[in-house]
Amino acid sequence: MTEMVYVYDGSFEGFLSCIFESYANKEVLTAICRDEDFAPQLFACRFIETNVEYANRVIRKVVKCSPYAAELLRKGFLSCLSDREILLYHLVVKLLRQGPHFLANFSDETLNPVVRAVRHLEGEAHLLKGFVRFSELGGVLGSEIEPKNQVLPILRSHFCARYRNERFFIYDRTHRQALFYAAGKAVIRPLEAFQMAPPDETEANYRILWKRFYDTVAIKERFNPRCQQTHMPKRYWKTMTEFQDDAYFTAQSSPASAAIPGAPSETPAPARLSESGTSAPASAP
């Protein structure tokens, strides 16, 4: 069989099309690269066009062999696992050759890295269900997150059920995509450049109230930074209201900066990193 490097468009359907083409052409894949990340290789390379029919045939076959493997395939593709495409490809190859029995052995060298990546994805999504902070922007709720994994498809059902009567969006800064929800319909779309619009007076006051609540309920004598960062990892703080600097609490119509909205005994919050990009419109699609 011929060794080959496949280049695809970065979509899940495109990845499944790569698996189909490798079997159809009897080619062993040494790497699967997104077109935007492709670099010259020693092996022969071929660009694979996304074919939804081929992708559906692959996923149906995987589901028939093992629904659990199909779940690992879908969620593993959303993870931040290094070289995820080729690792998932090896998982499918082993599944089709040996059957699903190896999926019960979590120490299996093919299965283990995928399972660990999926657990990390699910753990991050679980944390973000509590760490997402929404702002009211002209009748639309807006939020920003900076996850390591592509968690928006995992978070979609949770937030759509929780805010079924609202209009909202969640912007993923890391992967430059956003979840939009309105009138019972949700879509995830790429969004290259985005910056949250400044709050109006009402929203600024709500932010100040939340910050005061956070600082007031804290018990100074029991302050434990290590415990705090265990339950609320520091990498999430940049998008959480309670850890922002003064500018975050400044209303759009107010020329002066708002006073620090913490309780007298508060611990100073880290500064929010500046972001580049165009301002958000008054409402989301």
C-alpha atoms as a PDB file:
ATOM      1  CA  MET A   1       0.000   0.000   0.000  1.00  0.00           C
ATOM      2  CA  THR A   2       1.159   3.529  -0.813  1.00  0.00           C
ATOM      3  CA  GLU A   3       2.130   5.918   1.996  1.00  0.00           C
ATOM      4  CA  MET A   4       0.480   9.308   1.625  1.00  0.00           C
ATOM      5  CA  VAL A   5      -0.153  12.632   3.367  1.00  0.00           C
ATOM      6  CA  TYR A   6      -3.691  13.967   2.994  1.00  0.00           C
ATOM      7  CA  VAL A   7      -4.593  17.661   3.145  1.00  0.00           C
ATOM      8  CA  TYR A   8      -8.205  18.636   3.887  1.00  0.00           C
ATOM      9  CA  ASP A   9     -10.305  21.699   4.642  1.00  0.00           C
ATOM     10  CA  GLY A  10     -10.414  21.283   8.443  1.00  0.00           C
ATOM     11  CA  SER A  11     -14.059  20.190   8.703  1.00  0.00           C
ATOM     12  CA  PHE A  12     -15.247  16.987  10.369  1.00  0.00           C
ATOM     13  CA  GLU A  13     -16.831  15.873   7.092  1.00  0.00           C
ATOM     14  CA  GLY A  14     -13.539  16.572   5.348  1.00  0.00           C
ATOM     15  CA  PHE A  15     -11.686  14.409   7.876  1.00  0.00           C
ATOM     16  CA  LEU A  16     -14.146  11.537   7.349  1.00  0.00           C
ATOM     17  CA  SER A  17     -13.681  11.944   3.595  1.00  0.00           C
ATOM     18  CA  CYS A  18      -9.942  11.410   4.139  1.00  0.00           C
ATOM     19  CA  ILE A  19     -10.660   8.105   5.871  1.00  0.00           C
ATOM     20  CA  PHE A  20     -12.919   7.010   2.994  1.00  0.00           C
ATOM     21  CA  GLU A  21     -10.348   7.958   0.339  1.00  0.00           C
ATOM     22  CA  SER A  22      -7.556   6.117   2.136  1.00  0.00           C
ATOM     23  CA  TYR A  23      -9.548   2.870   1.955  1.00  0.00           C
ATOM     24  CA  ALA A  24     -10.842   3.462  -1.554  1.00  0.00           C
ATOM     25  CA  ASN A  25      -7.313   4.136  -2.889  1.00  0.00           C
ATOM     26  CA  LYS A  26      -5.537   1.606  -0.646  1.00  0.00           C
ATOM     27  CA  GLU A  27      -3.286   4.297   0.805  1.00  0.00           C
ATOM     28  CA  VAL A  28      -1.704   4.299   4.272  1.00  0.00           C
ATOM     29  CA  LEU A  29      -1.788   7.761   5.819  1.00  0.00           C
ATOM     30  CA  THR A  30       1.289   9.082   7.592  1.00  0.00           C
ATOM     31  CA  ALA A  31      -0.333  12.457   8.333  1.00  0.00           C
ATOM     32  CA  ILE A  32      -3.593  14.334   7.848  1.00  0.00           C
ATOM     33  CA  CYS A  33      -3.162  18.123   7.721  1.00  0.00           C
ATOM     34  CA  ARG A  34      -5.532  21.038   7.463  1.00  0.00           C
ATOM     35  CA  ASP A  35      -4.819  23.118   4.388  1.00  0.00           C
ATOM     36  CA  GLU A  36      -4.026  26.194   6.520  1.00  0.00           C
ATOM     37  CA  ASP A  37      -1.409  24.255   8.523  1.00  0.00           C
ATOM     38  CA  PHE A  38       0.132  22.322   5.643  1.00  0.00           C
ATOM     39  CA  ALA A  39       3.918  22.368   5.260  1.00  0.00           C
ATOM     40  CA  PRO A  40       6.061  20.538   2.649  1.00  0.00           C
ATOM     41  CA  GLN A  41       6.412  16.822   3.389  1.00  0.00           C
ATOM     42  CA  LEU A  42       8.802  14.047   2.364  1.00  0.00           C
ATOM     43  CA  PHE A  43       5.849  11.822   1.522  1.00  0.00           C
ATOM     44  CA  ALA A  44       3.538  12.253  -1.430  1.00  0.00           C
ATOM     45  CA  CYS A  45       0.646  14.619  -0.689  1.00  0.00           C
ATOM     46  CA  ARG A  46      -2.880  14.873  -1.971  1.00  0.00           C
ATOM     47  CA  PHE A  47      -5.691  17.345  -1.266  1.00  0.00           C
ATOM     48  CA  ILE A  48      -8.981  15.646  -0.411  1.00  0.00           C
ATOM     49  CA  GLU A  49     -12.229  17.353  -1.358  1.00  0.00           C
ATOM     50  CA  THR A  50     -14.965  17.133   1.261  1.00  0.00           C
ATOM     51  CA  ASN A  51     -17.682  14.703   0.198  1.00  0.00           C
ATOM     52  CA  VAL A  52     -20.691  14.553   2.517  1.00  0.00           C
ATOM     53  CA  GLU A  53     -21.869  11.232   1.056  1.00  0.00           C
ATOM     54  CA  TYR A  54     -18.486   9.616   1.736  1.00  0.00           C
ATOM     55  CA  ALA A  55     -18.413  11.131   5.228  1.00  0.00           C
ATOM     56  CA  ASN A  56     -21.864   9.732   6.035  1.00  0.00           C
ATOM     57  CA  ARG A  57     -20.806   6.273   4.861  1.00  0.00           C
ATOM     58  CA  VAL A  58     -17.789   6.327   7.172  1.00  0.00           C
ATOM     59  CA  ILE A  59     -19.691   7.488  10.246  1.00  0.00           C
ATOM     60  CA  ARG A  60     -22.468   4.948   9.638  1.00  0.00           C
ATOM     61  CA  LYS A  61     -19.880   2.184   9.485  1.00  0.00           C
ATOM     62  CA  VAL A  62     -18.236   3.344  12.709  1.00  0.00           C
ATOM     63  CA  VAL A  63     -21.616   3.570  14.488  1.00  0.00           C
ATOM     64  CA  LYS A  64     -22.455   0.062  13.308  1.00  0.00           C
ATOM     65  CA  CYS A  65     -19.195  -1.247  14.789  1.00  0.00           C
ATOM     66  CA  SER A  66     -19.455   0.767  18.012  1.00  0.00           C
ATOM     67  CA  PRO A  67     -21.595   3.793  18.959  1.00  0.00           C
ATOM     68  CA  TYR A  68     -19.002   4.546  21.652  1.00  0.00           C
ATOM     69  CA  ALA A  69     -16.252   4.735  19.017  1.00  0.00           C
ATOM     70  CA  ALA A  70     -18.398   7.132  16.989  1.00  0.00           C
ATOM     71  CA  GLU A  71     -18.757   9.380  20.058  1.00  0.00           C
ATOM     72  CA  LEU A  72     -14.982   9.279  20.599  1.00  0.00           C
ATOM     73  CA  LEU A  73     -14.492  10.189  16.956  1.00  0.00           C
ATOM     74  CA  ARG A  74     -16.820  13.202  17.105  1.00  0.00           C
ATOM     75  CA  LYS A  75     -15.592  14.535  20.439  1.00  0.00           C
ATOM     76  CA  GLY A  76     -11.958  13.684  19.766  1.00  0.00           C
ATOM     77  CA  PHE A  77     -12.113  15.879  16.679  1.00  0.00           C
ATOM     78  CA  LEU A  78     -13.240  18.803  18.873  1.00  0.00           C
ATOM     79  CA  SER A  79     -10.389  18.317  21.326  1.00  0.00           C
ATOM     80  CA  CYS A  80      -7.022  20.074  21.449  1.00  0.00           C
ATOM     81  CA  LEU A  81      -5.207  16.750  21.054  1.00  0.00           C
ATOM     82  CA  SER A  82      -1.940  17.157  19.164  1.00  0.00           C
ATOM     83  CA  ASP A  83      -2.035  15.376  15.767  1.00  0.00           C
ATOM     84  CA  ARG A  84      -5.638  14.483  16.498  1.00  0.00           C
ATOM     85  CA  GLU A  85      -6.479  13.598  12.889  1.00  0.00           C
ATOM     86  CA  ILE A  86      -3.882  10.859  12.497  1.00  0.00           C
ATOM     87  CA  LEU A  87      -4.605   9.470  15.979  1.00  0.00           C
ATOM     88  CA  LEU A  88      -8.327   9.307  15.226  1.00  0.00           C
ATOM     89  CA  TYR A  89      -7.545   7.740  11.852  1.00  0.00           C
ATOM     90  CA  HIS A  90      -5.541   4.990  13.593  1.00  0.00           C
ATOM     91  CA  LEU A  91      -8.458   4.454  15.966  1.00  0.00           C
ATOM     92  CA  VAL A  92     -10.852   3.895  13.053  1.00  0.00           C
ATOM     93  CA  VAL A  93      -8.373   1.597  11.256  1.00  0.00           C
ATOM     94  CA  LYS A  94      -7.982  -0.552  14.383  1.00  0.00           C
ATOM     95  CA  LEU A  95     -11.748  -0.620  14.926  1.00  0.00           C
ATOM     96  CA  LEU A  96     -12.394  -1.864  11.393  1.00  0.00           C
ATOM     97  CA  ARG A  97      -9.602  -4.444  11.559  1.00  0.00           C
ATOM     98  CA  GLN A  98     -10.069  -5.855  15.061  1.00  0.00           C
ATOM     99  CA  GLY A  99     -13.604  -4.953  16.034  1.00  0.00           C
ATOM    100  CA  PRO A 100     -14.677  -3.008  19.131  1.00  0.00           C
ATOM    101  CA  HIS A 101     -13.173  -5.293  21.809  1.00  0.00           C
ATOM    102  CA  PHE A 102     -10.079  -3.123  22.348  1.00  0.00           C
ATOM    103  CA  LEU A 103     -12.312  -0.185  23.335  1.00  0.00           C
ATOM    104  CA  ALA A 104     -12.721  -1.778  26.793  1.00  0.00           C
ATOM    105  CA  ASN A 105      -8.964  -1.509  27.417  1.00  0.00           C
ATOM    106  CA  PHE A 106      -8.233   2.128  28.304  1.00  0.00           C
ATOM    107  CA  SER A 107      -4.501   1.386  28.420  1.00  0.00           C
ATOM    108  CA  ASP A 108      -4.511   0.524  24.711  1.00  0.00           C
ATOM    109  CA  GLU A 109      -1.912   2.725  22.974  1.00  0.00           C
ATOM    110  CA  THR A 110      -4.357   3.685  20.208  1.00  0.00           C
ATOM    111  CA  LEU A 111      -7.337   4.317  22.463  1.00  0.00           C
ATOM    112  CA  ASN A 112      -5.715   5.952  25.499  1.00  0.00           C
ATOM    113  CA  PRO A 113      -4.691   9.351  24.015  1.00  0.00           C
ATOM    114  CA  VAL A 114      -8.134   9.801  22.451  1.00  0.00           C
ATOM    115  CA  VAL A 115      -9.980   8.938  25.674  1.00  0.00           C
ATOM    116  CA  ARG A 116      -7.794  11.337  27.658  1.00  0.00           C
ATOM    117  CA  ALA A 117      -8.404  14.134  25.141  1.00  0.00           C
ATOM    118  CA  VAL A 118     -12.175  13.575  25.237  1.00  0.00           C
ATOM    119  CA  ARG A 119     -12.165  13.662  29.044  1.00  0.00           C
ATOM    120  CA  HIS A 120     -10.272  16.954  28.928  1.00  0.00           C
ATOM    121  CA  LEU A 121     -12.819  18.340  26.442  1.00  0.00           C
ATOM    122  CA  GLU A 122     -15.769  17.270  28.593  1.00  0.00           C
ATOM    123  CA  GLY A 123     -14.128  18.587  31.760  1.00  0.00           C
ATOM    124  CA  GLU A 124     -13.515  21.989  30.216  1.00  0.00           C
ATOM    125  CA  ALA A 125     -17.072  22.157  28.879  1.00  0.00           C
ATOM    126  CA  HIS A 126     -18.396  21.297  32.356  1.00  0.00           C
ATOM    127  CA  LEU A 127     -16.359  24.099  33.957  1.00  0.00           C
ATOM    128  CA  LEU A 128     -17.496  26.636  31.378  1.00  0.00           C
ATOM    129  CA  LYS A 129     -21.146  25.924  32.148  1.00  0.00           C
ATOM    130  CA  GLY A 130     -20.442  27.794  35.375  1.00  0.00           C
ATOM    131  CA  PHE A 131     -17.737  30.202  34.214  1.00  0.00           C
ATOM    132  CA  VAL A 132     -19.471  31.812  31.222  1.00  0.00           C
ATOM    133  CA  ARG A 133     -20.442  35.422  32.011  1.00  0.00           C
ATOM    134  CA  PHE A 134     -23.082  37.107  29.846  1.00  0.00           C
ATOM    135  CA  SER A 135     -23.540  40.834  29.223  1.00  0.00           C
ATOM    136  CA  GLU A 136     -26.750  42.459  27.997  1.00  0.00           C
ATOM    137  CA  LEU A 137     -26.123  44.237  24.668  1.00  0.00           C
ATOM    138  CA  GLY A 138     -29.195  45.904  23.221  1.00  0.00           C
ATOM    139  CA  GLY A 139     -31.537  43.005  23.986  1.00  0.00           C
ATOM    140  CA  VAL A 140     -28.969  40.301  23.204  1.00  0.00           C
ATOM    141  CA  LEU A 141     -26.914  38.384  25.762  1.00  0.00           C
ATOM    142  CA  GLY A 142     -23.248  38.177  24.772  1.00  0.00           C
ATOM    143  CA  SER A 143     -20.274  36.322  26.208  1.00  0.00           C
ATOM    144  CA  GLU A 144     -16.639  35.524  25.377  1.00  0.00           C
ATOM    145  CA  ILE A 145     -14.589  32.457  26.287  1.00  0.00           C
ATOM    146  CA  GLU A 146     -10.998  31.287  25.691  1.00  0.00           C
ATOM    147  CA  PRO A 147     -11.106  27.464  25.823  1.00  0.00           C
ATOM    148  CA  LYS A 148      -8.364  25.064  24.755  1.00  0.00           C
ATOM    149  CA  ASN A 149     -10.897  22.756  23.082  1.00  0.00           C
ATOM    150  CA  GLN A 150     -13.706  23.489  20.640  1.00  0.00           C
ATOM    151  CA  VAL A 151     -16.397  23.399  23.318  1.00  0.00           C
ATOM    152  CA  LEU A 152     -19.188  25.336  21.578  1.00  0.00           C
ATOM    153  CA  PRO A 153     -20.841  22.190  20.089  1.00  0.00           C
ATOM    154  CA  ILE A 154     -20.788  20.650  23.595  1.00  0.00           C
ATOM    155  CA  LEU A 155     -22.143  23.790  25.305  1.00  0.00           C
ATOM    156  CA  ARG A 156     -24.840  24.454  22.702  1.00  0.00           C
ATOM    157  CA  SER A 157     -27.577  22.202  24.143  1.00  0.00           C
ATOM    158  CA  HIS A 158     -26.954  23.379  27.718  1.00  0.00           C
ATOM    159  CA  PHE A 159     -27.234  27.113  27.050  1.00  0.00           C
ATOM    160  CA  CYS A 160     -30.001  26.794  24.456  1.00  0.00           C
ATOM    161  CA  ALA A 161     -32.110  24.933  27.011  1.00  0.00           C
ATOM    162  CA  ARG A 162     -31.203  27.345  29.803  1.00  0.00           C
ATOM    163  CA  TYR A 163     -31.957  30.496  27.785  1.00  0.00           C
ATOM    164  CA  ARG A 164     -34.562  29.167  25.389  1.00  0.00           C
ATOM    165  CA  ASN A 165     -36.550  32.441  25.439  1.00  0.00           C
ATOM    166  CA  GLU A 166     -33.521  34.701  24.990  1.00  0.00           C
ATOM    167  CA  ARG A 167     -31.256  35.755  22.137  1.00  0.00           C
ATOM    168  CA  PHE A 168     -27.588  35.188  22.887  1.00  0.00           C
ATOM    169  CA  PHE A 169     -24.151  34.504  21.473  1.00  0.00           C
ATOM    170  CA  ILE A 170     -20.942  33.001  22.861  1.00  0.00           C
ATOM    171  CA  TYR A 171     -17.707  33.945  21.114  1.00  0.00           C
ATOM    172  CA  ASP A 172     -14.746  31.546  21.255  1.00  0.00           C
ATOM    173  CA  ARG A 173     -11.616  33.718  21.029  1.00  0.00           C
ATOM    174  CA  THR A 174      -9.282  30.731  20.671  1.00  0.00           C
ATOM    175  CA  HIS A 175     -10.924  29.138  17.649  1.00  0.00           C
ATOM    176  CA  ARG A 176     -12.503  32.349  16.265  1.00  0.00           C
ATOM    177  CA  GLN A 177     -16.033  31.037  16.068  1.00  0.00           C
ATOM    178  CA  ALA A 178     -19.325  31.975  17.704  1.00  0.00           C
ATOM    179  CA  LEU A 179     -22.515  30.246  18.782  1.00  0.00           C
ATOM    180  CA  PHE A 180     -25.600  32.302  17.896  1.00  0.00           C
ATOM    181  CA  TYR A 181     -29.059  31.496  19.273  1.00  0.00           C
ATOM    182  CA  ALA A 182     -32.435  33.113  18.530  1.00  0.00           C
ATOM    183  CA  ALA A 183     -36.040  31.953  18.166  1.00  0.00           C
ATOM    184  CA  GLY A 184     -35.235  28.347  19.019  1.00  0.00           C
ATOM    185  CA  LYS A 185     -32.454  28.007  16.425  1.00  0.00           C
ATOM    186  CA  ALA A 186     -28.722  27.785  17.094  1.00  0.00           C
ATOM    187  CA  VAL A 187     -25.797  27.956  14.664  1.00  0.00           C
ATOM    188  CA  ILE A 188     -22.016  27.993  15.037  1.00  0.00           C
ATOM    189  CA  ARG A 189     -20.220  30.232  12.564  1.00  0.00           C
ATOM    190  CA  PRO A 190     -16.583  31.353  12.076  1.00  0.00           C
ATOM    191  CA  LEU A 191     -15.913  34.918  13.237  1.00  0.00           C
ATOM    192  CA  GLU A 192     -12.356  36.124  12.661  1.00  0.00           C
ATOM    193  CA  ALA A 193     -12.348  39.467  14.486  1.00  0.00           C
ATOM    194  CA  PHE A 194     -14.564  40.471  17.381  1.00  0.00           C
ATOM    195  CA  GLN A 195     -14.508  42.748  20.412  1.00  0.00           C
ATOM    196  CA  MET A 196     -17.333  43.080  22.901  1.00  0.00           C
ATOM    197  CA  ALA A 197     -19.102  46.441  22.776  1.00  0.00           C
ATOM    198  CA  PRO A 198     -18.811  48.579  25.933  1.00  0.00           C
ATOM    199  CA  PRO A 199     -21.752  48.367  28.365  1.00  0.00           C
ATOM    200  CA  ASP A 200     -24.516  50.907  28.756  1.00  0.00           C
ATOM    201  CA  GLU A 201     -25.367  52.359  32.188  1.00  0.00           C
ATOM    202  CA  THR A 202     -27.666  49.485  33.146  1.00  0.00           C
ATOM    203  CA  GLU A 203     -25.216  46.751  32.170  1.00  0.00           C
ATOM    204  CA  ALA A 204     -22.332  48.576  33.881  1.00  0.00           C
ATOM    205  CA  ASN A 205     -24.362  48.703  37.108  1.00  0.00           C
ATOM    206  CA  TYR A 206     -25.123  44.979  36.886  1.00  0.00           C
ATOM    207  CA  ARG A 207     -21.422  44.249  36.449  1.00  0.00           C
ATOM    208  CA  ILE A 208     -20.595  46.394  39.475  1.00  0.00           C
ATOM    209  CA  LEU A 209     -23.242  44.616  41.568  1.00  0.00           C
ATOM    210  CA  TRP A 210     -21.847  41.200  40.595  1.00  0.00           C
ATOM    211  CA  LYS A 211     -18.300  42.303  41.440  1.00  0.00           C
ATOM    212  CA  ARG A 212     -19.412  43.659  44.821  1.00  0.00           C
ATOM    213  CA  PHE A 213     -21.284  40.437  45.565  1.00  0.00           C
ATOM    214  CA  TYR A 214     -18.227  38.344  44.678  1.00  0.00           C
ATOM    215  CA  ASP A 215     -15.944  40.409  46.903  1.00  0.00           C
ATOM    216  CA  THR A 216     -18.422  40.729  49.777  1.00  0.00           C
ATOM    217  CA  VAL A 217     -19.170  37.008  50.208  1.00  0.00           C
ATOM    218  CA  ALA A 218     -15.448  36.199  50.354  1.00  0.00           C
ATOM    219  CA  ILE A 219     -14.063  35.485  53.838  1.00  0.00           C
ATOM    220  CA  LYS A 220     -10.739  37.301  54.147  1.00  0.00           C
ATOM    221  CA  GLU A 221      -9.363  34.995  56.871  1.00  0.00           C
ATOM    222  CA  ARG A 222     -10.027  31.915  54.704  1.00  0.00           C
ATOM    223  CA  PHE A 223      -8.542  33.267  51.479  1.00  0.00           C
ATOM    224  CA  ASN A 224      -6.615  30.437  49.819  1.00  0.00           C
ATOM    225  CA  PRO A 225      -5.197  31.260  46.346  1.00  0.00           C
ATOM    226  CA  ARG A 226      -4.151  27.672  45.638  1.00  0.00           C
ATOM    227  CA  CYS A 227      -7.607  26.300  46.441  1.00  0.00           C
ATOM    228  CA  GLN A 228      -9.226  29.103  44.419  1.00  0.00           C
ATOM    229  CA  GLN A 229      -7.159  28.276  41.349  1.00  0.00           C
ATOM    230  CA  THR A 230      -7.913  24.570  41.738  1.00  0.00           C
ATOM    231  CA  HIS A 231     -11.664  25.142  41.511  1.00  0.00           C
ATOM    232  CA  MET A 232     -11.462  28.209  39.246  1.00  0.00           C
ATOM    233  CA  PRO A 233      -8.342  27.856  37.027  1.00  0.00           C
ATOM    234  CA  LYS A 234      -6.622  31.150  36.348  1.00  0.00           C
ATOM    235  CA  ARG A 235      -6.738  30.769  32.558  1.00  0.00           C
ATOM    236  CA  TYR A 236     -10.510  31.369  32.692  1.00  0.00           C
ATOM    237  CA  TRP A 237     -10.235  34.651  34.606  1.00  0.00           C
ATOM    238  CA  LYS A 238      -9.723  36.854  31.538  1.00  0.00           C
ATOM    239  CA  THR A 239     -13.377  36.426  30.532  1.00  0.00           C
ATOM    240  CA  MET A 240     -14.993  36.410  33.997  1.00  0.00           C
ATOM    241  CA  THR A 241     -16.628  39.631  35.251  1.00  0.00           C
ATOM    242  CA  GLU A 242     -15.319  39.387  38.806  1.00  0.00           C
ATOM    243  CA  PHE A 243     -11.661  39.507  37.694  1.00  0.00           C
ATOM    244  CA  GLN A 244     -11.769  42.499  35.343  1.00  0.00           C
ATOM    245  CA  ASP A 245     -10.174  45.935  35.746  1.00  0.00           C
ATOM    246  CA  ASP A 246     -11.908  49.332  35.985  1.00  0.00           C
ATOM    247  CA  ALA A 247     -12.425  49.790  32.239  1.00  0.00           C
ATOM    248  CA  TYR A 248     -14.728  46.776  32.099  1.00  0.00           C
ATOM    249  CA  PHE A 249     -17.177  48.575  34.400  1.00  0.00           C
ATOM    250  CA  THR A 250     -17.231  51.851  32.444  1.00  0.00           C
ATOM    251  CA  ALA A 251     -20.520  52.660  30.749  1.00  0.00           C
ATOM    252  CA  GLN A 252     -20.489  53.718  27.103  1.00  0.00           C
ATOM    253  CA  SER A 253     -22.322  56.957  27.879  1.00  0.00           C
ATOM    254  CA  SER A 254     -20.135  57.802  30.851  1.00  0.00           C
ATOM    255  CA  PRO A 255     -16.991  59.899  30.160  1.00  0.00           C
ATOM    256  CA  ALA A 256     -15.386  59.000  33.501  1.00  0.00           C
ATOM    257  CA  SER A 257     -14.117  55.641  34.644  1.00  0.00           C
ATOM    258  CA  ALA A 258     -16.173  53.795  37.224  1.00  0.00           C
ATOM    259  CA  ALA A 259     -14.699  53.385  40.685  1.00  0.00           C
ATOM    260  CA  ILE A 260     -13.303  49.984  41.598  1.00  0.00           C
ATOM    261  CA  PRO A 261     -16.492  48.087  42.424  1.00  0.00           C
ATOM    262  CA  GLY A 262     -15.073  45.733  45.049  1.00  0.00           C
ATOM    263  CA  ALA A 263     -15.611  45.507  48.774  1.00  0.00           C
ATOM    264  CA  PRO A 264     -12.993  47.298  50.951  1.00  0.00           C
ATOM    265  CA  SER A 265     -11.214  44.020  51.727  1.00  0.00           C
ATOM    266  CA  GLU A 266     -11.106  42.742  48.146  1.00  0.00           C
ATOM    267  CA  THR A 267      -8.055  41.171  46.537  1.00  0.00           C
ATOM    268  CA  PRO A 268      -7.083  43.216  43.439  1.00  0.00           C
ATOM    269  CA  ALA A 269      -8.194  41.542  40.230  1.00  0.00           C
ATOM    270  CA  PRO A 270      -5.694  40.960  37.406  1.00  0.00           C
ATOM    271  CA  ALA A 271      -5.874  43.351  34.474  1.00  0.00           C
ATOM    272  CA  ARG A 272      -7.832  42.276  31.441  1.00  0.00           C
ATOM    273  CA  LEU A 273      -5.713  41.821  28.339  1.00  0.00           C
ATOM    274  CA  SER A 274      -6.576  44.175  25.495  1.00  0.00           C
ATOM    275  CA  GLU A 275      -8.138  42.621  22.429  1.00  0.00           C
ATOM    276  CA  SER A 276      -8.020  43.742  18.812  1.00  0.00           C
ATOM    277  CA  GLY A 277     -10.846  43.629  16.324  1.00  0.00           C
ATOM    278  CA  THR A 278     -14.026  45.418  15.322  1.00  0.00           C
ATOM    279  CA  SER A 279     -16.663  46.367  17.873  1.00  0.00           C
ATOM    280  CA  ALA A 280     -19.746  44.231  18.174  1.00  0.00           C
ATOM    281  CA  PRO A 281     -23.009  45.538  16.734  1.00  0.00           C
ATOM    282  CA  ALA A 282     -25.870  46.426  19.005  1.00  0.00           C
ATOM    283  CA  SER A 283     -27.481  43.058  18.385  1.00  0.00           C
ATOM    284  CA  ALA A 284     -26.471  39.648  17.070  1.00  0.00           C
ATOM    285  CA  PRO A 285     -28.022  37.898  14.070  1.00  0.00           C
END
